[in-house]
PDB file of N, CA and C in Angstrom:
ATOM      1  N   MET A   1       0.833  -1.176   0.000  1.00  0.00           N
ATOM      2  CA  MET A   1       0.000   0.000   0.000  1.00  0.00           C
ATOM      3  C   MET A   1       0.877   1.238   0.000  1.00  0.00           C
ATOM      4  N   ASN A   2       0.513   2.186  -0.832  1.00  0.00           N
ATOM      5  CA  ASN A   2       1.208   3.468  -0.887  1.00  0.00           C
ATOM      6  C   ASN A   2       0.168   4.540  -1.194  1.00  0.00           C
ATOM      7  N   LEU A   3      -0.222   5.301  -0.175  1.00  0.00           N
ATOM      8  CA  LEU A   3      -1.225   6.347  -0.326  1.00  0.00           C
ATOM      9  C   LEU A   3      -0.540   7.693  -0.427  1.00  0.00           C
ATOM     10  N   LYS A   4      -0.915   8.459  -1.420  1.00  0.00           N
ATOM     11  CA  LYS A   4      -0.305   9.765  -1.624  1.00  0.00           C
ATOM     12  C   LYS A   4      -1.282  10.862  -1.244  1.00  0.00           C
ATOM     13  N   GLY A   5      -0.747  11.877  -0.582  1.00  0.00           N
ATOM     14  CA  GLY A   5      -1.546  13.015  -0.170  1.00  0.00           C
ATOM     15  C   GLY A   5      -0.707  14.275  -0.206  1.00  0.00           C
ATOM     16  N   ARG A   6      -0.958  15.162   0.704  1.00  0.00           N
ATOM     17  CA  ARG A   6      -0.251  16.438   0.777  1.00  0.00           C
ATOM     18  C   ARG A   6       0.546  16.493   2.074  1.00  0.00           C
ATOM     19  N   MET A   7       1.809  16.900   1.967  1.00  0.00           N
ATOM     20  CA  MET A   7       2.643  17.046   3.158  1.00  0.00           C
ATOM     21  C   MET A   7       2.224  18.302   3.917  1.00  0.00           C
ATOM     22  N   ILE A   8       1.978  18.144   5.210  1.00  0.00           N
ATOM     23  CA  ILE A   8       1.632  19.265   6.074  1.00  0.00           C
ATOM     24  C   ILE A   8       2.843  19.673   6.906  1.00  0.00           C
ATOM     25  N   ALA A   9       3.486  18.712   7.542  1.00  0.00           N
ATOM     26  CA  ALA A   9       4.690  18.963   8.347  1.00  0.00           C
ATOM     27  C   ALA A   9       5.739  17.951   7.907  1.00  0.00           C
ATOM     28  N   LYS A  10       6.914  18.458   7.539  1.00  0.00           N
ATOM     29  CA  LYS A  10       7.957  17.588   6.995  1.00  0.00           C
ATOM     30  C   LYS A  10       8.497  16.628   8.039  1.00  0.00           C
ATOM     31  N   GLY A  11       9.156  15.618   7.530  1.00  0.00           N
ATOM     32  CA  GLY A  11       9.747  14.606   8.381  1.00  0.00           C
ATOM     33  C   GLY A  11       9.256  13.237   7.978  1.00  0.00           C
ATOM     34  N   SER A  12       9.810  12.236   8.617  1.00  0.00           N
ATOM     35  CA  SER A  12       9.342  10.873   8.371  1.00  0.00           C
ATOM     36  C   SER A  12       9.293  10.137   9.698  1.00  0.00           C
ATOM     37  N   ALA A  13       8.340   9.230   9.782  1.00  0.00           N
ATOM     38  CA  ALA A  13       8.177   8.445  11.006  1.00  0.00           C
ATOM     39  C   ALA A  13       7.420   7.181  10.677  1.00  0.00           C
ATOM     40  N   SER A  14       7.673   6.160  11.485  1.00  0.00           N
ATOM     41  CA  SER A  14       6.967   4.891  11.343  1.00  0.00           C
ATOM     42  C   SER A  14       6.329   4.536  12.674  1.00  0.00           C
ATOM     43  N   GLY A  15       5.272   3.748  12.585  1.00  0.00           N
ATOM     44  CA  GLY A  15       4.618   3.294  13.805  1.00  0.00           C
ATOM     45  C   GLY A  15       3.325   2.592  13.497  1.00  0.00           C
ATOM     46  N   PRO A  16       2.696   2.077  14.527  1.00  0.00           N
ATOM     47  CA  PRO A  16       1.406   1.410  14.347  1.00  0.00           C
ATOM     48  C   PRO A  16       0.295   2.445  14.178  1.00  0.00           C
ATOM     49  N   VAL A  17      -0.646   2.149  13.320  1.00  0.00           N
ATOM     50  CA  VAL A  17      -1.789   3.031  13.104  1.00  0.00           C
ATOM     51  C   VAL A  17      -2.700   3.008  14.331  1.00  0.00           C
ATOM     52  N   LEU A  18      -3.063   4.190  14.808  1.00  0.00           N
ATOM     53  CA  LEU A  18      -4.091   4.364  15.814  1.00  0.00           C
ATOM     54  C   LEU A  18      -5.174   5.174  15.116  1.00  0.00           C
ATOM     55  N   ARG A  19      -6.194   4.480  14.635  1.00  0.00           N
ATOM     56  CA  ARG A  19      -7.199   5.093  13.769  1.00  0.00           C
ATOM     57  C   ARG A  19      -8.468   5.442  14.531  1.00  0.00           C
ATOM     58  N   CYS A  20      -8.988   6.604  14.192  1.00  0.00           N
ATOM     59  CA  CYS A  20     -10.234   7.091  14.761  1.00  0.00           C
ATOM     60  C   CYS A  20     -11.052   7.680  13.616  1.00  0.00           C
ATOM     61  N   ASP A  21     -12.310   7.319  13.519  1.00  0.00           N
ATOM     62  CA  ASP A  21     -13.149   7.787  12.416  1.00  0.00           C
ATOM     63  C   ASP A  21     -13.986   9.015  12.750  1.00  0.00           C
ATOM     64  N   VAL A  22     -13.730   9.625  13.896  1.00  0.00           N
ATOM     65  CA  VAL A  22     -14.433  10.848  14.279  1.00  0.00           C
ATOM     66  C   VAL A  22     -13.398  11.935  14.580  1.00  0.00           C
ATOM     67  N   PRO A  23     -13.793  13.216  14.538  1.00  0.00           N
ATOM     68  CA  PRO A  23     -12.837  14.293  14.810  1.00  0.00           C
ATOM     69  C   PRO A  23     -12.175  14.164  16.184  1.00  0.00           C
ATOM     70  N   VAL A  24     -10.960  14.671  16.254  1.00  0.00           N
ATOM     71  CA  VAL A  24     -10.143  14.616  17.466  1.00  0.00           C
ATOM     72  C   VAL A  24      -9.952  16.036  17.993  1.00  0.00           C
ATOM     73  N   GLY A  25     -10.160  16.219  19.300  1.00  0.00           N
ATOM     74  CA  GLY A  25      -9.923  17.507  19.944  1.00  0.00           C
ATOM     75  C   GLY A  25      -8.621  17.442  20.735  1.00  0.00           C
ATOM     76  N   PHE A  26      -7.799  18.458  20.617  1.00  0.00           N
ATOM     77  CA  PHE A  26      -6.519  18.451  21.315  1.00  0.00           C
ATOM     78  C   PHE A  26      -6.607  19.145  22.672  1.00  0.00           C
ATOM     79  N   PHE A  27      -7.084  20.378  22.708  1.00  0.00           N
ATOM     80  CA  PHE A  27      -7.155  21.119  23.968  1.00  0.00           C
ATOM     81  C   PHE A  27      -8.250  20.557  24.862  1.00  0.00           C
ATOM     82  N   GLY A  28      -7.860  20.163  26.068  1.00  0.00           N
ATOM     83  CA  GLY A  28      -8.804  19.636  27.031  1.00  0.00           C
ATOM     84  C   GLY A  28      -9.038  18.142  26.914  1.00  0.00           C
ATOM     85  N   HIS A  29      -8.541  17.533  25.850  1.00  0.00           N
ATOM     86  CA  HIS A  29      -8.745  16.102  25.661  1.00  0.00           C
ATOM     87  C   HIS A  29      -7.433  15.311  25.589  1.00  0.00           C
ATOM     88  N   LEU A  30      -6.409  15.895  25.030  1.00  0.00           N
ATOM     89  CA  LEU A  30      -5.136  15.192  24.874  1.00  0.00           C
ATOM     90  C   LEU A  30      -4.143  15.761  25.878  1.00  0.00           C
ATOM     91  N   ASP A  31      -3.771  14.942  26.844  1.00  0.00           N
ATOM     92  CA  ASP A  31      -2.902  15.379  27.939  1.00  0.00           C
ATOM     93  C   ASP A  31      -1.448  15.436  27.474  1.00  0.00           C
ATOM     94  N   PRO A  32      -0.850  16.639  27.431  1.00  0.00           N
ATOM     95  CA  PRO A  32       0.532  16.759  26.953  1.00  0.00           C
ATOM     96  C   PRO A  32       1.566  16.124  27.882  1.00  0.00           C
ATOM     97  N   GLU A  33       1.179  15.832  29.118  1.00  0.00           N
ATOM     98  CA  GLU A  33       2.122  15.213  30.049  1.00  0.00           C
ATOM     99  C   GLU A  33       2.123  13.692  29.965  1.00  0.00           C
ATOM    100  N   THR A  34       1.051  13.117  29.417  1.00  0.00           N
ATOM    101  CA  THR A  34       0.973  11.656  29.335  1.00  0.00           C
ATOM    102  C   THR A  34       0.750  11.137  27.916  1.00  0.00           C
ATOM    103  N   GLY A  35       0.182  11.973  27.048  1.00  0.00           N
ATOM    104  CA  GLY A  35      -0.163  11.528  25.699  1.00  0.00           C
ATOM    105  C   GLY A  35      -1.463  10.737  25.657  1.00  0.00           C
ATOM    106  N   VAL A  36      -2.193  10.713  26.763  1.00  0.00           N
ATOM    107  CA  VAL A  36      -3.450   9.963  26.843  1.00  0.00           C
ATOM    108  C   VAL A  36      -4.617  10.870  26.466  1.00  0.00           C
ATOM    109  N   TYR A  37      -5.502  10.336  25.645  1.00  0.00           N
ATOM    110  CA  TYR A  37      -6.691  11.062  25.204  1.00  0.00           C
ATOM    111  C   TYR A  37      -7.825  10.808  26.190  1.00  0.00           C
ATOM    112  N   ARG A  38      -8.509  11.870  26.603  1.00  0.00           N
ATOM    113  CA  ARG A  38      -9.618  11.748  27.551  1.00  0.00           C
ATOM    114  C   ARG A  38     -10.833  12.512  27.032  1.00  0.00           C
ATOM    115  N   GLU A  39     -11.828  11.778  26.601  1.00  0.00           N
ATOM    116  CA  GLU A  39     -13.106  12.367  26.209  1.00  0.00           C
ATOM    117  C   GLU A  39     -14.140  11.247  26.288  1.00  0.00           C
ATOM    118  N   ALA A  40     -15.013  11.320  27.277  1.00  0.00           N
ATOM    119  CA  ALA A  40     -16.010  10.272  27.488  1.00  0.00           C
ATOM    120  C   ALA A  40     -16.802  10.001  26.212  1.00  0.00           C
ATOM    121  N   GLY A  41     -16.900   8.728  25.860  1.00  0.00           N
ATOM    122  CA  GLY A  41     -17.653   8.316  24.684  1.00  0.00           C
ATOM    123  C   GLY A  41     -16.892   8.383  23.379  1.00  0.00           C
ATOM    124  N   HIS A  42     -15.697   8.952  23.391  1.00  0.00           N
ATOM    125  CA  HIS A  42     -14.875   9.061  22.172  1.00  0.00           C
ATOM    126  C   HIS A  42     -14.110   7.756  21.975  1.00  0.00           C
ATOM    127  N   PRO A  43     -13.941   7.301  20.742  1.00  0.00           N
ATOM    128  CA  PRO A  43     -13.227   6.036  20.498  1.00  0.00           C
ATOM    129  C   PRO A  43     -11.789   6.009  21.035  1.00  0.00           C
ATOM    130  N   LEU A  44     -11.158   7.176  21.181  1.00  0.00           N
ATOM    131  CA  LEU A  44      -9.779   7.218  21.685  1.00  0.00           C
ATOM    132  C   LEU A  44      -9.695   7.371  23.203  1.00  0.00           C
ATOM    133  N   ASP A  45     -10.822   7.502  23.880  1.00  0.00           N
ATOM    134  CA  ASP A  45     -10.808   7.737  25.321  1.00  0.00           C
ATOM    135  C   ASP A  45      -9.972   6.684  26.053  1.00  0.00           C
ATOM    136  N   GLY A  46      -8.969   7.163  26.791  1.00  0.00           N
ATOM    137  CA  GLY A  46      -8.107   6.285  27.573  1.00  0.00           C
ATOM    138  C   GLY A  46      -6.913   5.732  26.825  1.00  0.00           C
ATOM    139  N   LEU A  47      -6.798   6.030  25.537  1.00  0.00           N
ATOM    140  CA  LEU A  47      -5.682   5.501  24.741  1.00  0.00           C
ATOM    141  C   LEU A  47      -4.547   6.518  24.661  1.00  0.00           C
ATOM    142  N   CYS A  48      -3.334   6.011  24.569  1.00  0.00           N
ATOM    143  CA  CYS A  48      -2.144   6.854  24.460  1.00  0.00           C
ATOM    144  C   CYS A  48      -1.735   6.977  22.995  1.00  0.00           C
ATOM    145  N   VAL A  49      -1.469   8.202  22.559  1.00  0.00           N
ATOM    146  CA  VAL A  49      -1.082   8.454  21.168  1.00  0.00           C
ATOM    147  C   VAL A  49       0.432   8.375  20.957  1.00  0.00           C
ATOM    148  N   ARG A  50       1.184   8.328  22.016  1.00  0.00           N
ATOM    149  CA  ARG A  50       2.654   8.353  21.935  1.00  0.00           C
ATOM    150  C   ARG A  50       3.179   7.247  21.022  1.00  0.00           C
ATOM    151  N   GLY A  51       3.953   7.645  20.017  1.00  0.00           N
ATOM    152  CA  GLY A  51       4.602   6.699  19.123  1.00  0.00           C
ATOM    153  C   GLY A  51       3.713   6.099  18.049  1.00  0.00           C
ATOM    154  N   ALA A  52       2.431   6.413  18.075  1.00  0.00           N
ATOM    155  CA  ALA A  52       1.503   5.860  17.077  1.00  0.00           C
ATOM    156  C   ALA A  52       1.398   6.804  15.882  1.00  0.00           C
ATOM    157  N   VAL A  53       0.973   6.262  14.760  1.00  0.00           N
ATOM    158  CA  VAL A  53       0.600   7.098  13.626  1.00  0.00           C
ATOM    159  C   VAL A  53      -0.890   7.365  13.826  1.00  0.00           C
ATOM    160  N   LEU A  54      -1.192   8.564  14.286  1.00  0.00           N
ATOM    161  CA  LEU A  54      -2.561   8.940  14.617  1.00  0.00           C
ATOM    162  C   LEU A  54      -3.312   9.288  13.333  1.00  0.00           C
ATOM    163  N   VAL A  55      -4.346   8.510  13.046  1.00  0.00           N
ATOM    164  CA  VAL A  55      -5.122   8.660  11.816  1.00  0.00           C
ATOM    165  C   VAL A  55      -6.533   9.106  12.196  1.00  0.00           C
ATOM    166  N   PHE A  56      -6.969  10.244  11.647  1.00  0.00           N
ATOM    167  CA  PHE A  56      -8.291  10.769  11.971  1.00  0.00           C
ATOM    168  C   PHE A  56      -8.769  11.688  10.848  1.00  0.00           C
ATOM    169  N   PRO A  57     -10.089  11.904  10.758  1.00  0.00           N
ATOM    170  CA  PRO A  57     -10.597  12.690   9.636  1.00  0.00           C
ATOM    171  C   PRO A  57     -10.232  14.169   9.706  1.00  0.00           C
ATOM    172  N   ARG A  58     -10.389  14.758  10.872  1.00  0.00           N
ATOM    173  CA  ARG A  58     -10.093  16.179  11.062  1.00  0.00           C
ATOM    174  C   ARG A  58     -10.079  16.477  12.555  1.00  0.00           C
ATOM    175  N   ALA A  59      -9.605  17.660  12.885  1.00  0.00           N
ATOM    176  CA  ALA A  59      -9.585  18.081  14.284  1.00  0.00           C
ATOM    177  C   ALA A  59     -10.827  18.894  14.606  1.00  0.00           C
ATOM    178  N   LYS A  60     -11.032  19.098  15.902  1.00  0.00           N
ATOM    179  CA  LYS A  60     -12.114  19.954  16.385  1.00  0.00           C
ATOM    180  C   LYS A  60     -11.592  20.748  17.564  1.00  0.00           C
ATOM    181  N   GLY A  61     -12.206  21.884  17.831  1.00  0.00           N
ATOM    182  CA  GLY A  61     -11.906  22.594  19.052  1.00  0.00           C
ATOM    183  C   GLY A  61     -11.069  23.843  18.932  1.00  0.00           C
ATOM    184  N   SER A  62     -10.471  24.190  20.036  1.00  0.00           N
ATOM    185  CA  SER A  62      -9.806  25.464  20.284  1.00  0.00           C
ATOM    186  C   SER A  62      -8.478  25.637  19.564  1.00  0.00           C
ATOM    187  N   THR A  63      -8.133  26.918  19.364  1.00  0.00           N
ATOM    188  CA  THR A  63      -6.836  27.257  18.782  1.00  0.00           C
ATOM    189  C   THR A  63      -5.685  26.850  19.688  1.00  0.00           C
ATOM    190  N   VAL A  64      -5.951  26.613  20.958  1.00  0.00           N
ATOM    191  CA  VAL A  64      -4.910  26.170  21.891  1.00  0.00           C
ATOM    192  C   VAL A  64      -4.422  24.763  21.506  1.00  0.00           C
ATOM    193  N   GLY A  65      -5.153  24.090  20.644  1.00  0.00           N
ATOM    194  CA  GLY A  65      -4.744  22.768  20.165  1.00  0.00           C
ATOM    195  C   GLY A  65      -3.343  22.764  19.571  1.00  0.00           C
ATOM    196  N   SER A  66      -2.958  23.852  18.909  1.00  0.00           N
ATOM    197  CA  SER A  66      -1.597  23.944  18.355  1.00  0.00           C
ATOM    198  C   SER A  66      -0.560  23.832  19.461  1.00  0.00           C
ATOM    199  N   TYR A  67      -0.802  24.518  20.570  1.00  0.00           N
ATOM    200  CA  TYR A  67       0.124  24.478  21.695  1.00  0.00           C
ATOM    201  C   TYR A  67       0.182  23.082  22.313  1.00  0.00           C
ATOM    202  N   VAL A  68      -0.947  22.391  22.375  1.00  0.00           N
ATOM    203  CA  VAL A  68      -0.966  21.030  22.928  1.00  0.00           C
ATOM    204  C   VAL A  68      -0.082  20.122  22.079  1.00  0.00           C
ATOM    205  N   LEU A  69      -0.190  20.223  20.760  1.00  0.00           N
ATOM    206  CA  LEU A  69       0.676  19.416  19.882  1.00  0.00           C
ATOM    207  C   LEU A  69       2.144  19.791  20.070  1.00  0.00           C
ATOM    208  N   TYR A  70       2.428  21.081  20.202  1.00  0.00           N
ATOM    209  CA  TYR A  70       3.798  21.532  20.466  1.00  0.00           C
ATOM    210  C   TYR A  70       4.321  20.916  21.775  1.00  0.00           C
ATOM    211  N   ALA A  71       3.508  20.983  22.822  1.00  0.00           N
ATOM    212  CA  ALA A  71       3.912  20.438  24.127  1.00  0.00           C
ATOM    213  C   ALA A  71       4.138  18.932  24.048  1.00  0.00           C
ATOM    214  N   LEU A  72       3.277  18.228  23.330  1.00  0.00           N
ATOM    215  CA  LEU A  72       3.467  16.781  23.153  1.00  0.00           C
ATOM    216  C   LEU A  72       4.805  16.492  22.478  1.00  0.00           C
ATOM    217  N   GLY A  73       5.126  17.271  21.462  1.00  0.00           N
ATOM    218  CA  GLY A  73       6.404  17.090  20.768  1.00  0.00           C
ATOM    219  C   GLY A  73       7.594  17.351  21.677  1.00  0.00           C
ATOM    220  N   LYS A  74       7.492  18.379  22.482  1.00  0.00           N
ATOM    221  CA  LYS A  74       8.607  18.737  23.364  1.00  0.00           C
ATOM    222  C   LYS A  74       8.762  17.774  24.536  1.00  0.00           C
ATOM    223  N   THR A  75       7.689  17.141  24.979  1.00  0.00           N
ATOM    224  CA  THR A  75       7.783  16.199  26.099  1.00  0.00           C
ATOM    225  C   THR A  75       8.048  14.767  25.633  1.00  0.00           C
ATOM    226  N   GLY A  76       8.095  14.562  24.304  1.00  0.00           N
ATOM    227  CA  GLY A  76       8.338  13.219  23.782  1.00  0.00           C
ATOM    228  C   GLY A  76       7.121  12.308  23.862  1.00  0.00           C
ATOM    229  N   ARG A  77       5.946  12.884  23.990  1.00  0.00           N
ATOM    230  CA  ARG A  77       4.723  12.084  24.108  1.00  0.00           C
ATOM    231  C   ARG A  77       3.791  12.250  22.914  1.00  0.00           C
ATOM    232  N   ALA A  78       4.332  12.768  21.835  1.00  0.00           N
ATOM    233  CA  ALA A  78       3.541  13.016  20.623  1.00  0.00           C
ATOM    234  C   ALA A  78       3.338  11.735  19.819  1.00  0.00           C
ATOM    235  N   PRO A  79       2.337  11.757  18.951  1.00  0.00           N
ATOM    236  CA  PRO A  79       2.253  10.655  17.996  1.00  0.00           C
ATOM    237  C   PRO A  79       3.497  10.683  17.115  1.00  0.00           C
ATOM    238  N   ALA A  80       3.872   9.536  16.578  1.00  0.00           N
ATOM    239  CA  ALA A  80       5.018   9.491  15.663  1.00  0.00           C
ATOM    240  C   ALA A  80       4.733  10.352  14.444  1.00  0.00           C
ATOM    241  N   ALA A  81       3.476  10.327  13.993  1.00  0.00           N
ATOM    242  CA  ALA A  81       3.030  11.112  12.846  1.00  0.00           C
ATOM    243  C   ALA A  81       1.515  11.235  12.914  1.00  0.00           C
ATOM    244  N   MET A  82       0.973  12.136  12.089  1.00  0.00           N
ATOM    245  CA  MET A  82      -0.476  12.283  11.990  1.00  0.00           C
ATOM    246  C   MET A  82      -0.882  12.216  10.523  1.00  0.00           C
ATOM    247  N   VAL A  83      -1.975  11.511  10.279  1.00  0.00           N
ATOM    248  CA  VAL A  83      -2.523  11.372   8.931  1.00  0.00           C
ATOM    249  C   VAL A  83      -3.998  11.744   9.009  1.00  0.00           C
ATOM    250  N   LEU A  84      -4.400  12.681   8.176  1.00  0.00           N
ATOM    251  CA  LEU A  84      -5.769  13.186   8.213  1.00  0.00           C
ATOM    252  C   LEU A  84      -6.414  13.140   6.837  1.00  0.00           C
ATOM    253  N   ARG A  85      -7.721  13.146   6.851  1.00  0.00           N
ATOM    254  CA  ARG A  85      -8.456  13.334   5.601  1.00  0.00           C
ATOM    255  C   ARG A  85      -8.340  14.804   5.205  1.00  0.00           C
ATOM    256  N   GLU A  86      -8.533  15.705   6.201  1.00  0.00           N
ATOM    257  CA  GLU A  86      -8.506  17.143   5.946  1.00  0.00           C
ATOM    258  C   GLU A  86      -7.874  17.860   7.134  1.00  0.00           C
ATOM    259  N   CYS A  87      -6.761  18.533   6.893  1.00  0.00           N
ATOM    260  CA  CYS A  87      -6.045  19.220   7.968  1.00  0.00           C
ATOM    261  C   CYS A  87      -6.458  20.690   8.042  1.00  0.00           C
ATOM    262  N   ASP A  88      -6.703  21.158   9.258  1.00  0.00           N
ATOM    263  CA  ASP A  88      -7.019  22.568   9.497  1.00  0.00           C
ATOM    264  C   ASP A  88      -5.742  23.305   9.890  1.00  0.00           C
ATOM    265  N   THR A  89      -5.807  24.625   9.973  1.00  0.00           N
ATOM    266  CA  THR A  89      -4.607  25.408  10.290  1.00  0.00           C
ATOM    267  C   THR A  89      -4.112  25.161  11.712  1.00  0.00           C
ATOM    268  N   ILE A  90      -5.010  24.912  12.649  1.00  0.00           N
ATOM    269  CA  ILE A  90      -4.595  24.663  14.039  1.00  0.00           C
ATOM    270  C   ILE A  90      -3.737  23.405  14.120  1.00  0.00           C
ATOM    271  N   THR A  91      -4.188  22.339  13.476  1.00  0.00           N
ATOM    272  CA  THR A  91      -3.424  21.088  13.474  1.00  0.00           C
ATOM    273  C   THR A  91      -2.130  21.252  12.696  1.00  0.00           C
ATOM    274  N   ALA A  92      -2.182  21.957  11.571  1.00  0.00           N
ATOM    275  CA  ALA A  92      -0.974  22.173  10.756  1.00  0.00           C
ATOM    276  C   ALA A  92       0.094  22.920  11.553  1.00  0.00           C
ATOM    277  N   VAL A  93      -0.288  24.003  12.203  1.00  0.00           N
ATOM    278  CA  VAL A  93       0.676  24.775  13.002  1.00  0.00           C
ATOM    279  C   VAL A  93       1.225  23.916  14.132  1.00  0.00           C
ATOM    280  N   GLY A  94       0.366  23.183  14.829  1.00  0.00           N
ATOM    281  CA  GLY A  94       0.817  22.318  15.918  1.00  0.00           C
ATOM    282  C   GLY A  94       1.780  21.251  15.455  1.00  0.00           C
ATOM    283  N   ALA A  95       1.498  20.642  14.301  1.00  0.00           N
ATOM    284  CA  ALA A  95       2.393  19.620  13.764  1.00  0.00           C
ATOM    285  C   ALA A  95       3.751  20.216  13.399  1.00  0.00           C
ATOM    286  N   ILE A  96       3.733  21.382  12.798  1.00  0.00           N
ATOM    287  CA  ILE A  96       4.989  22.022  12.382  1.00  0.00           C
ATOM    288  C   ILE A  96       5.826  22.420  13.590  1.00  0.00           C
ATOM    289  N   ILE A  97       5.235  23.140  14.548  1.00  0.00           N
ATOM    290  CA  ILE A  97       6.039  23.593  15.693  1.00  0.00           C
ATOM    291  C   ILE A  97       6.361  22.448  16.654  1.00  0.00           C
ATOM    292  N   GLY A  98       5.540  21.403  16.653  1.00  0.00           N
ATOM    293  CA  GLY A  98       5.803  20.235  17.493  1.00  0.00           C
ATOM    294  C   GLY A  98       6.704  19.211  16.823  1.00  0.00           C
ATOM    295  N   GLU A  99       7.067  19.502  15.554  1.00  0.00           N
ATOM    296  CA  GLU A  99       7.927  18.623  14.758  1.00  0.00           C
ATOM    297  C   GLU A  99       7.355  17.212  14.661  1.00  0.00           C
ATOM    298  N   ILE A 100       6.045  17.152  14.342  1.00  0.00           N
ATOM    299  CA  ILE A 100       5.331  15.895  14.165  1.00  0.00           C
ATOM    300  C   ILE A 100       5.020  15.754  12.679  1.00  0.00           C
ATOM    301  N   PRO A 101       5.625  14.809  11.975  1.00  0.00           N
ATOM    302  CA  PRO A 101       5.320  14.645  10.555  1.00  0.00           C
ATOM    303  C   PRO A 101       3.814  14.469  10.356  1.00  0.00           C
ATOM    304  N   ALA A 102       3.277  15.151   9.346  1.00  0.00           N
ATOM    305  CA  ALA A 102       1.837  15.082   9.113  1.00  0.00           C
ATOM    306  C   ALA A 102       1.525  15.179   7.631  1.00  0.00           C
ATOM    307  N   ALA A 103       0.464  14.482   7.239  1.00  0.00           N
ATOM    308  CA  ALA A 103      -0.015  14.514   5.853  1.00  0.00           C
ATOM    309  C   ALA A 103      -1.530  14.506   5.865  1.00  0.00           C
ATOM    310  N   ASP A 104      -2.111  15.131   4.834  1.00  0.00           N
ATOM    311  CA  ASP A 104      -3.567  15.067   4.699  1.00  0.00           C
ATOM    312  C   ASP A 104      -3.931  14.751   3.258  1.00  0.00           C
ATOM    313  N   GLN A 105      -5.235  14.812   2.966  1.00  0.00           N
ATOM    314  CA  GLN A 105      -5.786  14.408   1.682  1.00  0.00           C
ATOM    315  C   GLN A 105      -5.498  12.929   1.422  1.00  0.00           C
ATOM    316  N   ILE A 106      -5.548  12.155   2.511  1.00  0.00           N
ATOM    317  CA  ILE A 106      -5.306  10.717   2.475  1.00  0.00           C
ATOM    318  C   ILE A 106      -6.643  10.003   2.670  1.00  0.00           C
ATOM    319  N   ASP A 107      -6.850   8.924   1.924  1.00  0.00           N
ATOM    320  CA  ASP A 107      -8.037   8.080   2.114  1.00  0.00           C
ATOM    321  C   ASP A 107      -7.806   7.241   3.365  1.00  0.00           C
ATOM    322  N   ILE A 108      -8.218   7.778   4.520  1.00  0.00           N
ATOM    323  CA  ILE A 108      -7.929   7.114   5.789  1.00  0.00           C
ATOM    324  C   ILE A 108      -8.680   5.797   5.939  1.00  0.00           C
ATOM    325  N   GLY A 109      -9.691   5.577   5.133  1.00  0.00           N
ATOM    326  CA  GLY A 109     -10.448   4.329   5.180  1.00  0.00           C
ATOM    327  C   GLY A 109      -9.617   3.124   4.782  1.00  0.00           C
ATOM    328  N   GLN A 110      -8.487   3.366   4.127  1.00  0.00           N
ATOM    329  CA  GLN A 110      -7.608   2.271   3.715  1.00  0.00           C
ATOM    330  C   GLN A 110      -6.585   1.900   4.789  1.00  0.00           C
ATOM    331  N   LEU A 111      -6.537   2.663   5.864  1.00  0.00           N
ATOM    332  CA  LEU A 111      -5.562   2.403   6.931  1.00  0.00           C
ATOM    333  C   LEU A 111      -6.226   1.612   8.047  1.00  0.00           C
ATOM    334  N   VAL A 112      -5.613   0.516   8.408  1.00  0.00           N
ATOM    335  CA  VAL A 112      -6.171  -0.409   9.395  1.00  0.00           C
ATOM    336  C   VAL A 112      -5.507  -0.188  10.749  1.00  0.00           C
ATOM    337  N   ASP A 113      -6.325  -0.088  11.779  1.00  0.00           N
ATOM    338  CA  ASP A 113      -5.827   0.082  13.138  1.00  0.00           C
ATOM    339  C   ASP A 113      -4.810  -1.018  13.458  1.00  0.00           C
ATOM    340  N   GLY A 114      -3.635  -0.607  13.938  1.00  0.00           N
ATOM    341  CA  GLY A 114      -2.592  -1.553  14.321  1.00  0.00           C
ATOM    342  C   GLY A 114      -1.595  -1.875  13.222  1.00  0.00           C
ATOM    343  N   ALA A 115      -1.924  -1.567  11.964  1.00  0.00           N
ATOM    344  CA  ALA A 115      -0.984  -1.822  10.862  1.00  0.00           C
ATOM    345  C   ALA A 115       0.243  -0.921  11.027  1.00  0.00           C
ATOM    346  N   PHE A 116       1.402  -1.410  10.639  1.00  0.00           N
ATOM    347  CA  PHE A 116       2.631  -0.639  10.763  1.00  0.00           C
ATOM    348  C   PHE A 116       2.868   0.108   9.455  1.00  0.00           C
ATOM    349  N   VAL A 117       2.961   1.448   9.529  1.00  0.00           N
ATOM    350  CA  VAL A 117       3.129   2.268   8.336  1.00  0.00           C
ATOM    351  C   VAL A 117       4.239   3.293   8.524  1.00  0.00           C
ATOM    352  N   LYS A 118       4.682   3.835   7.396  1.00  0.00           N
ATOM    353  CA  LYS A 118       5.656   4.924   7.402  1.00  0.00           C
ATOM    354  C   LYS A 118       5.023   6.133   6.735  1.00  0.00           C
ATOM    355  N   VAL A 119       5.159   7.289   7.381  1.00  0.00           N
ATOM    356  CA  VAL A 119       4.673   8.554   6.837  1.00  0.00           C
ATOM    357  C   VAL A 119       5.893   9.369   6.443  1.00  0.00           C
ATOM    358  N   GLU A 120       5.902   9.795   5.180  1.00  0.00           N
ATOM    359  CA  GLU A 120       7.046  10.567   4.696  1.00  0.00           C
ATOM    360  C   GLU A 120       6.642  11.385   3.470  1.00  0.00           C
ATOM    361  N   GLY A 121       6.936  12.682   3.522  1.00  0.00           N
ATOM    362  CA  GLY A 121       6.718  13.529   2.366  1.00  0.00           C
ATOM    363  C   GLY A 121       5.326  13.510   1.778  1.00  0.00           C
ATOM    364  N   GLY A 122       4.318  13.424   2.584  1.00  0.00           N
ATOM    365  CA  GLY A 122       2.953  13.445   2.086  1.00  0.00           C
ATOM    366  C   GLY A 122       2.417  12.098   1.645  1.00  0.00           C
ATOM    367  N   SER A 123       3.164  11.042   1.922  1.00  0.00           N
ATOM    368  CA  SER A 123       2.661   9.708   1.568  1.00  0.00           C
ATOM    369  C   SER A 123       2.693   8.792   2.782  1.00  0.00           C
ATOM    370  N   VAL A 124       1.864   7.782   2.710  1.00  0.00           N
ATOM    371  CA  VAL A 124       1.772   6.766   3.758  1.00  0.00           C
ATOM    372  C   VAL A 124       1.914   5.415   3.078  1.00  0.00           C
ATOM    373  N   ARG A 125       2.860   4.617   3.559  1.00  0.00           N
ATOM    374  CA  ARG A 125       3.035   3.294   2.946  1.00  0.00           C
ATOM    375  C   ARG A 125       3.233   2.228   4.012  1.00  0.00           C
ATOM    376  N   SER A 126       2.861   1.024   3.641  1.00  0.00           N
ATOM    377  CA  SER A 126       3.053  -0.130   4.533  1.00  0.00           C
ATOM    378  C   SER A 126       4.525  -0.393   4.685  1.00  0.00           C
ATOM    379  N   VAL A 127       4.903  -0.831   5.866  1.00  0.00           N
ATOM    380  CA  VAL A 127       6.299  -1.179   6.114  1.00  0.00           C
ATOM    381  C   VAL A 127       6.378  -2.655   6.438  1.00  0.00           C
TER     382      VAL A 127
END
């Protein structure tokens, strides 16, 4: 598998897919000190994003989300990479300043939870 999209934040990373089919909120839901997502009823509730290739359709919520991604990157608790269907400016800025490789315009329906993939230069491929 080799999915091509648009590079949002440069870099390359590999890891297991942690896929979510609903929007993800960063501020108030993703703890920068632990990397654990907390939102009752959300598919990611209680899961840690650290080292995973976080796959989701789009983000939701506050502009502070950029800072949360930055903090995750600086504390070493960030996802290895992020893959989105559609990236917003808040997520893009957070990925860039947090040094988290990110790509969008990807058919996330083709990515299976737990599969090991590499994200590089706007593409996602099986490893």
